[in-house]
Amino acid sequence: MTNLAHTAHRLASPISAASLPAQSGIGLKAQHYKDIHDRNPDIGWLEVHSENYMCAGGPTKAWLNAMRDRYPLSLHGVGLSLGSAGPLDKTHLKRLVELERRIEPGSVSEHLSWSIADGIYLNDLIALPYTEEALEIFSTHVVEMQDALKRRVLIENPSSYLRYEHSVISEPEFLLNVIDKSDCAVLLDVNNVYVSAMNHGFDPIAYVDQIPADAIGEIHLGGHSEVAFDDRILRIDDHGSQVCDAVWALYEHVIKRTGPKPTLIEWDSNIPELDVLLDEAAKADRILARASATEEVRHAALV
């Protein structure tokens, strides 16, 4: 087994490009390539799904290179399946490393989930049972990912619709243990916290307050939908609409505690015109600006 403590020490100063700015960003979608290229909107950074750009050439690579020349980029993976009990897909990991070397992103992230079992790939990000065994497997895979990339990665908390009866660790505690074992950081998806909290009946503020400010490298915001399920409402994390008021309020609570963090507007289905995404990003920037102003006042008072 990999020596987790040794690797954590070695990754204390990750080899990476400059960090993402503490501003809002948007997900880069093919529908918006030309619009962004022509308009060059005032946006802090762009995120891409890693698996969409693991190509040797062609127009997709050309567009990514063009965007890289204008904006900081982040790589957000959805296919490595860090929570699977079997070994990581070495070919997939090699392609991720090659992509990371080529574009030198400000951050690289993956999910607290699994999606591969016995060579079968599931088109979903499935929550883990929060057990000691799962913690050891997941943390070891995070270390393997970081060893390959030679940098610290961010792990995103999931949205969930069921709980495992044999889970013995709360999700925030599980995340904190992964950080301790692997020296990774957290991509805090505020919408995911809210969706899971509403589905399972826990306090979303209590959840986010357990994550140390210095462990959060990035924040995601997105929309979700509601469906009737038996006699209750089930919230589905579909990234297909504007951020709701309750999620904005939870985000502002987080930012007041942590200070400004790079914040992504995530919109992956029912993709709207670019201006809709830019308007959502502007809302996040206003919250970030208020937090920055508060920090400046607090710092001036201490001087």
Foldseek 3Di string as FASTA:
>chain_A
DDQQVVLLVLQPPFPFDAAFDLAEEEEDDPVCLVVCVVPVDPGRAYEYALVVALDDDDDVVVSVVSRLVRHAYEYEYEFQFLQEPDDTDPVVLVSSLVVCVVSRHNAYEYEQFGADDPRDGHPDGHHDQADPVSLVSSLVSLQVSCVSNRHAHAYEYAADQDHDPPRDDDSLRSVVSSCVRHVHAYAYELVSLVQNCQNPVDDSLVSLVSHDLVRHQEYEFADWDWDDDPPDIHIGGDRADAGDPVSLVSVLVNCLRNARHYYYYGHDPVDDDPVVRVVSSVSVRVSNVVSVVVVVVVVVVVD
